[in-house]
PDB file of all heavy atoms in Angstrom:
ATOM      1  N   GLN A   1     -81.406  64.165  85.881  1.00  0.00           N
ATOM      2  CA  GLN A   1     -80.435  63.463  85.069  1.00  0.00           C
ATOM      3  C   GLN A   1     -80.438  64.142  83.668  1.00  0.00           C
ATOM      4  O   GLN A   1     -81.485  64.058  83.019  1.00  0.00           O
ATOM      5  CB  GLN A   1     -80.675  61.921  84.980  1.00  0.00           C
ATOM      6  CG  GLN A   1     -79.645  61.236  84.075  1.00  0.00           C
ATOM      7  CD  GLN A   1     -78.256  61.203  84.604  1.00  0.00           C
ATOM      8  OE1 GLN A   1     -78.055  60.985  85.875  1.00  0.00           O
ATOM      9  NE2 GLN A   1     -77.249  61.482  83.858  1.00  0.00           N
ATOM     10  N   MET A   2     -79.302  64.656  83.222  1.00  0.00           N
ATOM     11  CA  MET A   2     -79.267  65.390  81.957  1.00  0.00           C
ATOM     12  C   MET A   2     -78.307  64.656  81.023  1.00  0.00           C
ATOM     13  O   MET A   2     -77.082  64.568  81.374  1.00  0.00           O
ATOM     14  CB  MET A   2     -78.851  66.860  82.206  1.00  0.00           C
ATOM     15  CG  MET A   2     -79.668  67.552  83.202  1.00  0.00           C
ATOM     16  SD  MET A   2     -79.304  69.370  83.264  1.00  0.00           S
ATOM     17  CE  MET A   2     -77.616  69.243  83.865  1.00  0.00           C
ATOM     18  N   ASN A   3     -78.830  64.079  79.967  1.00  0.00           N
ATOM     19  CA  ASN A   3     -77.959  63.341  79.053  1.00  0.00           C
ATOM     20  C   ASN A   3     -78.033  64.168  77.686  1.00  0.00           C
ATOM     21  O   ASN A   3     -78.805  65.001  77.417  1.00  0.00           O
ATOM     22  CB  ASN A   3     -78.579  61.979  78.754  1.00  0.00           C
ATOM     23  CG  ASN A   3     -78.463  61.153  80.006  1.00  0.00           C
ATOM     24  OD1 ASN A   3     -77.658  61.342  80.945  1.00  0.00           O
ATOM     25  ND2 ASN A   3     -79.444  60.296  80.143  1.00  0.00           N
ATOM     26  N   SER A   4     -77.079  63.735  76.812  1.00  0.00           N
ATOM     27  CA  SER A   4     -76.980  64.416  75.459  1.00  0.00           C
ATOM     28  C   SER A   4     -76.954  65.850  75.600  1.00  0.00           C
ATOM     29  O   SER A   4     -77.707  66.615  74.806  1.00  0.00           O
ATOM     30  CB  SER A   4     -78.058  63.845  74.517  1.00  0.00           C
ATOM     31  OG  SER A   4     -78.048  62.410  74.480  1.00  0.00           O
ATOM     32  N   LEU A   5     -76.259  66.417  76.425  1.00  0.00           N
ATOM     33  CA  LEU A   5     -76.227  67.849  76.656  1.00  0.00           C
ATOM     34  C   LEU A   5     -75.737  68.675  75.452  1.00  0.00           C
ATOM     35  O   LEU A   5     -74.876  68.241  74.662  1.00  0.00           O
ATOM     36  CB  LEU A   5     -75.376  68.254  77.868  1.00  0.00           C
ATOM     37  CG  LEU A   5     -76.093  67.891  79.249  1.00  0.00           C
ATOM     38  CD1 LEU A   5     -75.082  67.835  80.333  1.00  0.00           C
ATOM     39  CD2 LEU A   5     -77.166  68.928  79.505  1.00  0.00           C
ATOM     40  N   LYS A   6     -76.370  69.799  75.261  1.00  0.00           N
ATOM     41  CA  LYS A   6     -76.122  70.659  74.149  1.00  0.00           C
ATOM     42  C   LYS A   6     -75.619  72.038  74.672  1.00  0.00           C
ATOM     43  O   LYS A   6     -75.887  72.476  75.800  1.00  0.00           O
ATOM     44  CB  LYS A   6     -77.342  70.857  73.340  1.00  0.00           C
ATOM     45  CG  LYS A   6     -77.969  69.630  72.764  1.00  0.00           C
ATOM     46  CD  LYS A   6     -79.336  69.912  72.091  1.00  0.00           C
ATOM     47  CE  LYS A   6     -80.016  68.662  71.652  1.00  0.00           C
ATOM     48  NZ  LYS A   6     -81.270  68.963  70.912  1.00  0.00           N
ATOM     49  N   PRO A   7     -74.898  72.749  73.864  1.00  0.00           N
ATOM     50  CA  PRO A   7     -74.450  74.086  74.340  1.00  0.00           C
ATOM     51  C   PRO A   7     -75.539  75.011  74.709  1.00  0.00           C
ATOM     52  O   PRO A   7     -75.483  75.754  75.663  1.00  0.00           O
ATOM     53  CB  PRO A   7     -73.753  74.665  73.027  1.00  0.00           C
ATOM     54  CG  PRO A   7     -73.216  73.457  72.360  1.00  0.00           C
ATOM     55  CD  PRO A   7     -74.270  72.463  72.514  1.00  0.00           C
ATOM     56  N   GLU A   8     -76.739  74.870  74.115  1.00  0.00           N
ATOM     57  CA  GLU A   8     -77.966  75.601  74.471  1.00  0.00           C
ATOM     58  C   GLU A   8     -78.527  75.266  75.806  1.00  0.00           C
ATOM     59  O   GLU A   8     -79.398  75.943  76.329  1.00  0.00           O
ATOM     60  CB  GLU A   8     -78.970  75.633  73.377  1.00  0.00           C
ATOM     61  CG  GLU A   8     -79.360  74.210  72.987  1.00  0.00           C
ATOM     62  CD  GLU A   8     -78.717  73.812  71.666  1.00  0.00           C
ATOM     63  OE1 GLU A   8     -77.405  74.009  71.588  1.00  0.00           O
ATOM     64  OE2 GLU A   8     -79.287  73.233  70.747  1.00  0.00           O
ATOM     65  N   ASP A   9     -78.020  74.221  76.474  1.00  0.00           N
ATOM     66  CA  ASP A   9     -78.457  73.858  77.724  1.00  0.00           C
ATOM     67  C   ASP A   9     -77.658  74.640  78.842  1.00  0.00           C
ATOM     68  O   ASP A   9     -77.988  74.561  80.084  1.00  0.00           O
ATOM     69  CB  ASP A   9     -78.278  72.318  78.054  1.00  0.00           C
ATOM     70  CG  ASP A   9     -79.140  71.504  77.264  1.00  0.00           C
ATOM     71  OD1 ASP A   9     -80.375  71.924  77.025  1.00  0.00           O
ATOM     72  OD2 ASP A   9     -78.646  70.458  76.623  1.00  0.00           O
ATOM     73  N   THR A  10     -76.688  75.359  78.415  1.00  0.00           N
ATOM     74  CA  THR A  10     -75.855  76.165  79.359  1.00  0.00           C
ATOM     75  C   THR A  10     -76.759  77.302  80.090  1.00  0.00           C
ATOM     76  O   THR A  10     -77.425  77.998  79.441  1.00  0.00           O
ATOM     77  CB  THR A  10     -74.756  76.901  78.623  1.00  0.00           C
ATOM     78  OG1 THR A  10     -73.750  75.913  78.074  1.00  0.00           O
ATOM     79  CG2 THR A  10     -73.985  77.838  79.472  1.00  0.00           C
ATOM     80  N   ALA A  11     -76.747  77.222  81.400  1.00  0.00           N
ATOM     81  CA  ALA A  11     -77.541  78.090  82.244  1.00  0.00           C
ATOM     82  C   ALA A  11     -77.320  77.868  83.659  1.00  0.00           C
ATOM     83  O   ALA A  11     -76.579  76.892  84.013  1.00  0.00           O
ATOM     84  CB  ALA A  11     -79.019  77.801  81.888  1.00  0.00           C
ATOM     85  N   ILE A  12     -77.812  78.716  84.502  1.00  0.00           N
ATOM     86  CA  ILE A  12     -77.925  78.361  85.879  1.00  0.00           C
ATOM     87  C   ILE A  12     -79.167  77.622  86.113  1.00  0.00           C
ATOM     88  O   ILE A  12     -80.273  78.077  85.633  1.00  0.00           O
ATOM     89  CB  ILE A  12     -77.928  79.666  86.761  1.00  0.00           C
ATOM     90  CG1 ILE A  12     -76.582  80.481  86.618  1.00  0.00           C
ATOM     91  CG2 ILE A  12     -78.084  79.300  88.251  1.00  0.00           C
ATOM     92  CD1 ILE A  12     -76.566  81.752  87.200  1.00  0.00           C
ATOM     93  N   TYR A  13     -79.113  76.463  86.811  1.00  0.00           N
ATOM     94  CA  TYR A  13     -80.234  75.641  87.030  1.00  0.00           C
ATOM     95  C   TYR A  13     -80.660  75.779  88.557  1.00  0.00           C
ATOM     96  O   TYR A  13     -79.928  75.729  89.480  1.00  0.00           O
ATOM     97  CB  TYR A  13     -79.884  74.200  86.785  1.00  0.00           C
ATOM     98  CG  TYR A  13     -79.853  73.913  85.327  1.00  0.00           C
ATOM     99  CD1 TYR A  13     -78.883  74.409  84.403  1.00  0.00           C
ATOM    100  CD2 TYR A  13     -80.863  73.129  84.698  1.00  0.00           C
ATOM    101  CE1 TYR A  13     -78.903  74.106  83.139  1.00  0.00           C
ATOM    102  CE2 TYR A  13     -80.836  72.841  83.277  1.00  0.00           C
ATOM    103  CZ  TYR A  13     -79.875  73.384  82.557  1.00  0.00           C
ATOM    104  OH  TYR A  13     -79.875  73.129  81.160  1.00  0.00           O
ATOM    105  N   TYR A  14     -81.975  76.028  88.676  1.00  0.00           N
ATOM    106  CA  TYR A  14     -82.567  76.172  89.929  1.00  0.00           C
ATOM    107  C   TYR A  14     -83.639  75.024  90.243  1.00  0.00           C
ATOM    108  O   TYR A  14     -84.312  74.694  89.370  1.00  0.00           O
ATOM    109  CB  TYR A  14     -83.311  77.491  90.064  1.00  0.00           C
ATOM    110  CG  TYR A  14     -82.448  78.733  89.806  1.00  0.00           C
ATOM    111  CD1 TYR A  14     -82.277  79.178  88.527  1.00  0.00           C
ATOM    112  CD2 TYR A  14     -81.824  79.378  90.834  1.00  0.00           C
ATOM    113  CE1 TYR A  14     -81.484  80.340  88.317  1.00  0.00           C
ATOM    114  CE2 TYR A  14     -81.041  80.492  90.697  1.00  0.00           C
ATOM    115  CZ  TYR A  14     -80.871  80.937  89.384  1.00  0.00           C
ATOM    116  OH  TYR A  14     -80.154  82.095  89.067  1.00  0.00           O
ATOM    117  N   CYS A  15     -83.660  74.621  91.540  1.00  0.00           N
ATOM    118  CA  CYS A  15     -84.847  73.785  91.825  1.00  0.00           C
ATOM    119  C   CYS A  15     -85.770  74.636  92.797  1.00  0.00           C
ATOM    120  O   CYS A  15     -85.294  75.646  93.344  1.00  0.00           O
ATOM    121  CB  CYS A  15     -84.414  72.555  92.586  1.00  0.00           C
ATOM    122  SG  CYS A  15     -83.655  72.714  94.218  1.00  0.00           S
ATOM    123  N   ALA A  16     -87.016  74.323  92.719  1.00  0.00           N
ATOM    124  CA  ALA A  16     -88.057  75.074  93.555  1.00  0.00           C
ATOM    125  C   ALA A  16     -89.118  74.157  93.916  1.00  0.00           C
ATOM    126  O   ALA A  16     -89.368  73.045  93.355  1.00  0.00           O
ATOM    127  CB  ALA A  16     -88.634  76.172  92.664  1.00  0.00           C
ATOM    128  N   ALA A  17     -89.799  74.506  95.037  1.00  0.00           N
ATOM    129  CA  ALA A  17     -90.837  73.694  95.658  1.00  0.00           C
ATOM    130  C   ALA A  17     -92.151  74.415  95.737  1.00  0.00           C
ATOM    131  O   ALA A  17     -92.189  75.632  96.005  1.00  0.00           O
ATOM    132  CB  ALA A  17     -90.403  73.151  96.956  1.00  0.00           C
ATOM    133  N   VAL A  18     -93.217  73.638  95.634  1.00  0.00           N
ATOM    134  CA  VAL A  18     -94.471  74.201  95.814  1.00  0.00           C
ATOM    135  C   VAL A  18     -95.339  73.168  96.588  1.00  0.00           C
ATOM    136  O   VAL A  18     -95.411  71.991  96.187  1.00  0.00           O
ATOM    137  CB  VAL A  18     -95.234  74.602  94.559  1.00  0.00           C
ATOM    138  CG1 VAL A  18     -95.302  73.542  93.540  1.00  0.00           C
ATOM    139  CG2 VAL A  18     -96.611  75.143  94.768  1.00  0.00           C
ATOM    140  N   GLU A  19     -96.014  73.686  97.636  1.00  0.00           N
ATOM    141  CA  GLU A  19     -96.797  72.634  98.450  1.00  0.00           C
ATOM    142  C   GLU A  19     -98.147  72.495  97.788  1.00  0.00           C
ATOM    143  O   GLU A  19     -98.942  73.387  97.494  1.00  0.00           O
ATOM    144  CB  GLU A  19     -96.975  73.186  99.899  1.00  0.00           C
ATOM    145  CG  GLU A  19     -97.539  72.254 100.882  1.00  0.00           C
ATOM    146  CD  GLU A  19     -97.481  72.748 102.292  1.00  0.00           C
ATOM    147  OE1 GLU A  19     -97.204  73.937 102.476  1.00  0.00           O
ATOM    148  OE2 GLU A  19     -97.810  72.001 103.239  1.00  0.00           O
ATOM    149  N   TYR A  20     -98.484  71.140  97.644  1.00  0.00           N
ATOM    150  CA  TYR A  20     -99.728  70.827  97.055  1.00  0.00           C
ATOM    151  C   TYR A  20    -100.476  69.827  97.937  1.00  0.00           C
ATOM    152  O   TYR A  20     -99.789  68.916  98.487  1.00  0.00           O
ATOM    153  CB  TYR A  20     -99.624  70.220  95.660  1.00  0.00           C
ATOM    154  CG  TYR A  20     -99.301  71.149  94.537  1.00  0.00           C
ATOM    155  CD1 TYR A  20     -98.329  70.929  93.521  1.00  0.00           C
ATOM    156  CD2 TYR A  20    -100.136  72.278  94.363  1.00  0.00           C
ATOM    157  CE1 TYR A  20     -98.248  71.750  92.530  1.00  0.00           C
ATOM    158  CE2 TYR A  20     -99.897  73.202  93.251  1.00  0.00           C
ATOM    159  CZ  TYR A  20     -98.982  72.869  92.385  1.00  0.00           C
ATOM    160  OH  TYR A  20     -98.737  73.691  91.302  1.00  0.00           O
ATOM    161  N   TYR A  21    -101.816  69.971  97.988  1.00  0.00           N
ATOM    162  CA  TYR A  21    -102.565  68.886  98.593  1.00  0.00           C
ATOM    163  C   TYR A  21    -102.613  67.538  97.763  1.00  0.00           C
ATOM    164  O   TYR A  21    -102.452  66.511  98.233  1.00  0.00           O
ATOM    165  CB  TYR A  21    -103.953  69.318  98.918  1.00  0.00           C
ATOM    166  CG  TYR A  21    -104.892  68.320  99.473  1.00  0.00           C
ATOM    167  CD1 TYR A  21    -104.831  67.969 100.800  1.00  0.00           C
ATOM    168  CD2 TYR A  21    -105.791  67.540  98.761  1.00  0.00           C
ATOM    169  CE1 TYR A  21    -105.566  66.992 101.405  1.00  0.00           C
ATOM    170  CE2 TYR A  21    -106.568  66.574  99.242  1.00  0.00           C
ATOM    171  CZ  TYR A  21    -106.450  66.332 100.615  1.00  0.00           C
ATOM    172  OH  TYR A  21    -107.270  65.287 101.172  1.00  0.00           O
ATOM    173  N   THR A  22    -102.805  67.799  96.367  1.00  0.00           N
ATOM    174  CA  THR A  22    -102.881  66.607  95.515  1.00  0.00           C
ATOM    175  C   THR A  22    -101.475  66.011  95.374  1.00  0.00           C
ATOM    176  O   THR A  22    -100.516  66.742  95.388  1.00  0.00           O
ATOM    177  CB  THR A  22    -103.443  66.983  94.158  1.00  0.00           C
ATOM    178  OG1 THR A  22    -103.594  65.885  93.330  1.00  0.00           O
ATOM    179  CG2 THR A  22    -102.574  68.080  93.509  1.00  0.00           C
ATOM    180  N   THR A  23    -101.437  64.727  95.213  1.00  0.00           N
ATOM    181  CA  THR A  23    -100.150  64.029  95.162  1.00  0.00           C
ATOM    182  C   THR A  23     -99.665  63.774  93.760  1.00  0.00           C
ATOM    183  O   THR A  23     -98.493  63.439  93.537  1.00  0.00           O
ATOM    184  CB  THR A  23    -100.212  62.714  95.892  1.00  0.00           C
ATOM    185  OG1 THR A  23    -101.177  61.870  95.212  1.00  0.00           O
ATOM    186  CG2 THR A  23    -100.573  62.913  97.334  1.00  0.00           C
ATOM    187  N   ASN A  24    -100.577  63.976  92.812  1.00  0.00           N
ATOM    188  CA  ASN A  24    -100.169  63.540  91.355  1.00  0.00           C
ATOM    189  C   ASN A  24    -100.294  64.696  90.369  1.00  0.00           C
ATOM    190  O   ASN A  24    -100.744  64.478  89.294  1.00  0.00           O
ATOM    191  CB  ASN A  24    -101.049  62.384  90.951  1.00  0.00           C
ATOM    192  CG  ASN A  24    -100.229  61.324  90.144  1.00  0.00           C
ATOM    193  OD1 ASN A  24     -99.110  61.152  90.444  1.00  0.00           O
ATOM    194  ND2 ASN A  24    -100.943  60.695  89.192  1.00  0.00           N
ATOM    195  N   TYR A  25     -99.807  65.840  90.751  1.00  0.00           N
ATOM    196  CA  TYR A  25     -99.772  67.020  89.830  1.00  0.00           C
ATOM    197  C   TYR A  25     -98.496  67.807  90.064  1.00  0.00           C
ATOM    198  O   TYR A  25     -98.047  67.932  91.116  1.00  0.00           O
ATOM    199  CB  TYR A  25    -101.017  67.912  90.209  1.00  0.00           C
ATOM    200  CG  TYR A  25    -101.015  69.162  89.411  1.00  0.00           C
ATOM    201  CD1 TYR A  25    -101.419  69.205  88.090  1.00  0.00           C
ATOM    202  CD2 TYR A  25    -100.588  70.377  89.976  1.00  0.00           C
ATOM    203  CE1 TYR A  25    -101.421  70.463  87.404  1.00  0.00           C
ATOM    204  CE2 TYR A  25    -100.464  71.564  89.318  1.00  0.00           C
ATOM    205  CZ  TYR A  25    -100.952  71.592  87.991  1.00  0.00           C
ATOM    206  OH  TYR A  25    -100.938  72.740  87.277  1.00  0.00           O
ATOM    207  N   CYS A  26     -98.111  68.314  88.919  1.00  0.00           N
ATOM    208  CA  CYS A  26     -96.966  69.286  89.001  1.00  0.00           C
ATOM    209  C   CYS A  26     -97.018  70.238  87.846  1.00  0.00           C
ATOM    210  O   CYS A  26     -97.724  70.037  86.842  1.00  0.00           O
ATOM    211  CB  CYS A  26     -95.538  68.668  89.077  1.00  0.00           C
ATOM    212  SG  CYS A  26     -95.017  67.908  87.494  1.00  0.00           S
ATOM    213  N   THR A  27     -96.343  71.389  87.940  1.00  0.00           N
ATOM    214  CA  THR A  27     -96.278  72.333  86.765  1.00  0.00           C
ATOM    215  C   THR A  27     -94.892  72.952  86.710  1.00  0.00           C
ATOM    216  O   THR A  27     -94.093  72.893  87.586  1.00  0.00           O
ATOM    217  CB  THR A  27     -97.297  73.495  87.141  1.00  0.00           C
ATOM    218  OG1 THR A  27     -97.234  74.556  86.154  1.00  0.00           O
ATOM    219  CG2 THR A  27     -96.863  74.152  88.477  1.00  0.00           C
ATOM    220  N   ILE A  28     -94.584  73.406  85.498  1.00  0.00           N
ATOM    221  CA  ILE A  28     -93.314  74.098  85.318  1.00  0.00           C
ATOM    222  C   ILE A  28     -93.453  75.544  85.074  1.00  0.00           C
ATOM    223  O   ILE A  28     -92.736  76.307  84.456  1.00  0.00           O
ATOM    224  CB  ILE A  28     -92.498  73.470  84.109  1.00  0.00           C
ATOM    225  CG1 ILE A  28     -93.332  73.483  82.849  1.00  0.00           C
ATOM    226  CG2 ILE A  28     -92.049  72.095  84.527  1.00  0.00           C
ATOM    227  CD1 ILE A  28     -92.486  72.918  81.616  1.00  0.00           C
ATOM    228  N   GLU A  29     -94.648  76.036  85.635  1.00  0.00           N
ATOM    229  CA  GLU A  29     -94.875  77.571  85.614  1.00  0.00           C
ATOM    230  C   GLU A  29     -94.177  78.194  86.833  1.00  0.00           C
ATOM    231  O   GLU A  29     -94.653  77.897  88.023  1.00  0.00           O
ATOM    232  CB  GLU A  29     -96.395  77.797  85.706  1.00  0.00           C
ATOM    233  CG  GLU A  29     -97.134  77.469  84.464  1.00  0.00           C
ATOM    234  CD  GLU A  29     -96.781  78.351  83.226  1.00  0.00           C
ATOM    235  OE1 GLU A  29     -96.302  79.474  83.440  1.00  0.00           O
ATOM    236  OE2 GLU A  29     -96.812  77.844  82.128  1.00  0.00           O
ATOM    237  N   HIS A  30     -93.225  78.930  86.747  1.00  0.00           N
ATOM    238  CA  HIS A  30     -92.364  79.338  87.866  1.00  0.00           C
ATOM    239  C   HIS A  30     -93.078  80.241  88.863  1.00  0.00           C
ATOM    240  O   HIS A  30     -92.762  80.214  90.028  1.00  0.00           O
ATOM    241  CB  HIS A  30     -91.049  80.056  87.357  1.00  0.00           C
ATOM    242  CG  HIS A  30     -91.275  81.322  86.681  1.00  0.00           C
ATOM    243  ND1 HIS A  30     -91.430  82.540  87.401  1.00  0.00           N
ATOM    244  CD2 HIS A  30     -91.337  81.697  85.374  1.00  0.00           C
ATOM    245  CE1 HIS A  30     -91.643  83.475  86.542  1.00  0.00           C
ATOM    246  NE2 HIS A  30     -91.576  83.060  85.314  1.00  0.00           N
ATOM    247  N   ALA A  31     -94.157  80.878  88.436  1.00  0.00           N
ATOM    248  CA  ALA A  31     -94.875  81.702  89.303  1.00  0.00           C
ATOM    249  C   ALA A  31     -95.574  80.911  90.413  1.00  0.00           C
ATOM    250  O   ALA A  31     -95.943  81.510  91.385  1.00  0.00           O
ATOM    251  CB  ALA A  31     -95.924  82.531  88.603  1.00  0.00           C
ATOM    252  N   ALA A  32     -95.746  79.698  90.240  1.00  0.00           N
ATOM    253  CA  ALA A  32     -96.375  78.820  91.233  1.00  0.00           C
ATOM    254  C   ALA A  32     -95.526  78.500  92.430  1.00  0.00           C
ATOM    255  O   ALA A  32     -96.078  78.048  93.505  1.00  0.00           O
ATOM    256  CB  ALA A  32     -96.902  77.511  90.605  1.00  0.00           C
ATOM    257  N   PHE A  33     -94.278  78.684  92.282  1.00  0.00           N
ATOM    258  CA  PHE A  33     -93.307  78.124  93.253  1.00  0.00           C
ATOM    259  C   PHE A  33     -92.898  79.230  94.236  1.00  0.00           C
ATOM    260  O   PHE A  33     -92.530  80.358  93.852  1.00  0.00           O
ATOM    261  CB  PHE A  33     -92.065  77.621  92.571  1.00  0.00           C
ATOM    262  CG  PHE A  33     -92.300  76.328  91.808  1.00  0.00           C
ATOM    263  CD1 PHE A  33     -92.870  76.360  90.505  1.00  0.00           C
ATOM    264  CD2 PHE A  33     -92.021  75.144  92.411  1.00  0.00           C
ATOM    265  CE1 PHE A  33     -93.264  75.166  89.803  1.00  0.00           C
ATOM    266  CE2 PHE A  33     -92.337  73.950  91.672  1.00  0.00           C
ATOM    267  CZ  PHE A  33     -92.881  73.987  90.435  1.00  0.00           C
ATOM    268  N   GLY A  34     -92.728  78.855  95.540  1.00  0.00           N
ATOM    269  CA  GLY A  34     -92.544  79.730  96.571  1.00  0.00           C
ATOM    270  C   GLY A  34     -91.157  79.663  97.181  1.00  0.00           C
ATOM    271  O   GLY A  34     -90.567  80.592  97.786  1.00  0.00           O
ATOM    272  N   SER A  35     -90.557  78.425  97.120  1.00  0.00           N
ATOM    273  CA  SER A  35     -89.247  78.241  97.697  1.00  0.00           C
ATOM    274  C   SER A  35     -88.243  77.866  96.590  1.00  0.00           C
ATOM    275  O   SER A  35     -88.489  76.985  95.841  1.00  0.00           O
ATOM    276  CB  SER A  35     -89.370  77.050  98.683  1.00  0.00           C
ATOM    277  OG  SER A  35     -90.226  77.309  99.741  1.00  0.00           O
ATOM    278  N   TRP A  36     -87.083  78.611  96.629  1.00  0.00           N
ATOM    279  CA  TRP A  36     -86.182  78.356  95.608  1.00  0.00           C
ATOM    280  C   TRP A  36     -84.741  78.112  96.125  1.00  0.00           C
ATOM    281  O   TRP A  36     -84.430  78.673  97.208  1.00  0.00           O
ATOM    282  CB  TRP A  36     -86.147  79.686  94.625  1.00  0.00           C
ATOM    283  CG  TRP A  36     -87.276  79.867  93.865  1.00  0.00           C
ATOM    284  CD1 TRP A  36     -88.499  80.452  94.277  1.00  0.00           C
ATOM    285  CD2 TRP A  36     -87.437  79.539  92.469  1.00  0.00           C
ATOM    286  NE1 TRP A  36     -89.354  80.445  93.221  1.00  0.00           N
ATOM    287  CE2 TRP A  36     -88.756  79.902  92.132  1.00  0.00           C
ATOM    288  CE3 TRP A  36     -86.711  78.934  91.518  1.00  0.00           C
ATOM    289  CZ2 TRP A  36     -89.207  79.758  90.803  1.00  0.00           C
ATOM    290  CZ3 TRP A  36     -87.098  78.820  90.223  1.00  0.00           C
ATOM    291  CH2 TRP A  36     -88.395  79.188  89.900  1.00  0.00           C
TER     292      TRP A  36
END
C-alpha cells in the first residue's frame, strides 16, 4: 500500500521471494532473492 506518493516514487516496482527457514526475518538486499 503506497500513500502520499511523490514524483520520486516513479519506477518499475518488482516483487521477489526468498525461501527462509526462519519465520520472522526479512531483508531488502536484492542479492538475497532468487525469484522475481
